[in-house]
Protein backbone atom coordinates (compact mmCIF):
# COMPACT_ATOMS: atom_id res chain seq x y z
CA MET A 1 -18.45 -1.41 4.43
CA ALA A 2 -17.43 1.57 5.86
CA GLU A 3 -13.87 0.61 7.25
CA LEU A 4 -13.34 -0.67 3.82
CA THR A 5 -14.00 2.66 2.42
CA LYS A 6 -11.94 4.30 4.92
CA ILE A 7 -8.85 1.84 3.88
CA SER A 8 -9.94 2.24 0.11
CA ILE A 9 -9.78 6.19 0.47
CA ARG A 10 -6.16 5.61 2.24
CA VAL A 11 -5.16 3.29 -0.26
CA LYS A 12 -5.78 5.93 -2.97
CA HIS A 13 -3.86 8.61 -1.26
CA GLY A 14 -0.66 6.29 -1.79
CA GLU A 15 -0.86 4.68 2.00
CA THR A 16 -0.52 0.58 1.70
CA ILE A 17 -2.29 -0.50 5.07
CA TYR A 18 -1.67 -3.85 6.73
CA VAL A 19 -4.69 -5.69 8.27
CA ILE A 20 -4.86 -8.69 10.47
CA ASP A 21 -7.53 -11.09 11.51
CA ASP A 22 -6.81 -13.31 14.21
CA TYR A 23 -9.97 -14.65 14.35
CA GLU A 24 -10.13 -15.87 10.65
CA GLU A 25 -6.41 -16.24 10.89
CA ARG A 26 -5.80 -13.93 7.58
CA ALA A 27 -3.47 -11.23 6.81
CA MET A 28 -4.28 -8.75 4.49
CA CYS A 29 -2.02 -5.57 1.98
CA PHE A 30 -3.76 -3.12 0.62
CA ALA A 31 -1.65 -0.96 -1.54
CA PRO A 32 -2.02 1.24 -4.70
CA GLU A 33 -0.53 -0.73 -7.16
CA LEU A 34 -2.79 -3.66 -6.24
CA GLY A 35 -5.70 -1.75 -7.89
CA GLN A 36 -8.87 -3.42 -6.83
CA ASN A 37 -7.33 -6.13 -5.09
CA VAL A 38 -5.39 -7.29 -1.83
CA LEU A 39 -2.78 -9.68 -1.03
CA SER A 40 -4.17 -12.22 0.84
CA LYS A 41 -2.46 -15.12 3.38
CA ARG A 42 -2.81 -17.75 6.02
CA LYS A 43 -1.08 -17.64 9.35
CA GLY A 44 2.05 -19.36 8.92
CA ASN A 45 1.67 -19.93 5.35
CA GLY A 46 3.68 -16.78 4.01
CA VAL A 47 2.58 -17.53 0.55
CA ALA A 48 0.28 -14.28 -0.46
CA TYR A 49 -2.62 -14.19 -3.01
CA LYS A 50 -4.08 -11.58 -4.84
CA ARG A 51 -7.81 -11.77 -4.28
CA PRO A 52 -10.26 -8.89 -5.27
CA LEU A 53 -10.99 -6.40 -2.94
CA THR A 54 -15.07 -7.63 -3.21
CA ASP A 55 -14.28 -10.49 -2.14
CA LYS A 56 -16.59 -11.95 0.84
CA LEU A 57 -13.51 -13.49 3.24
CA ILE A 58 -11.86 -9.99 2.86
CA ILE A 59 -14.74 -7.82 3.80
CA GLU A 60 -15.36 -9.86 6.52
CA SER A 61 -11.71 -9.83 7.73
CA VAL A 62 -11.64 -6.18 7.58
CA PHE A 63 -14.29 -6.10 9.93
CA SER A 64 -12.59 -8.17 12.41
CA GLY A 65 -9.34 -7.19 11.86
CA LYS A 66 -6.95 -4.79 13.14
CA GLU A 67 -4.50 -2.54 11.34
CA VAL A 68 -0.60 -3.35 11.59
CA SER A 69 2.65 -2.72 11.08
CA LYS A 70 4.54 -4.19 7.57
CA GLU A 71 6.73 -6.27 9.68
CA ASP A 72 3.66 -7.58 11.47
CA TYR A 73 2.54 -8.55 8.29
CA ASP A 74 5.30 -10.14 7.18
CA ASN A 75 5.89 -11.96 10.20
CA TYR A 76 2.14 -13.61 10.30
């Protein structure tokens, strides 16, 4: 949960964070304007869905994912 807390703090300070979990084939966008939600999309799908920050799949993907650039997120 520590990684998620670190991301939350950075987002509260105005940063947008992108994380990719290649194992689950999930890309996530954490942004201030999303509040307690994230944008999550599957590899090759291109369509992002809003999910709650507390969703089990999101929490698991944060632990096994890595921070990436916006370009990498967009191309996933």
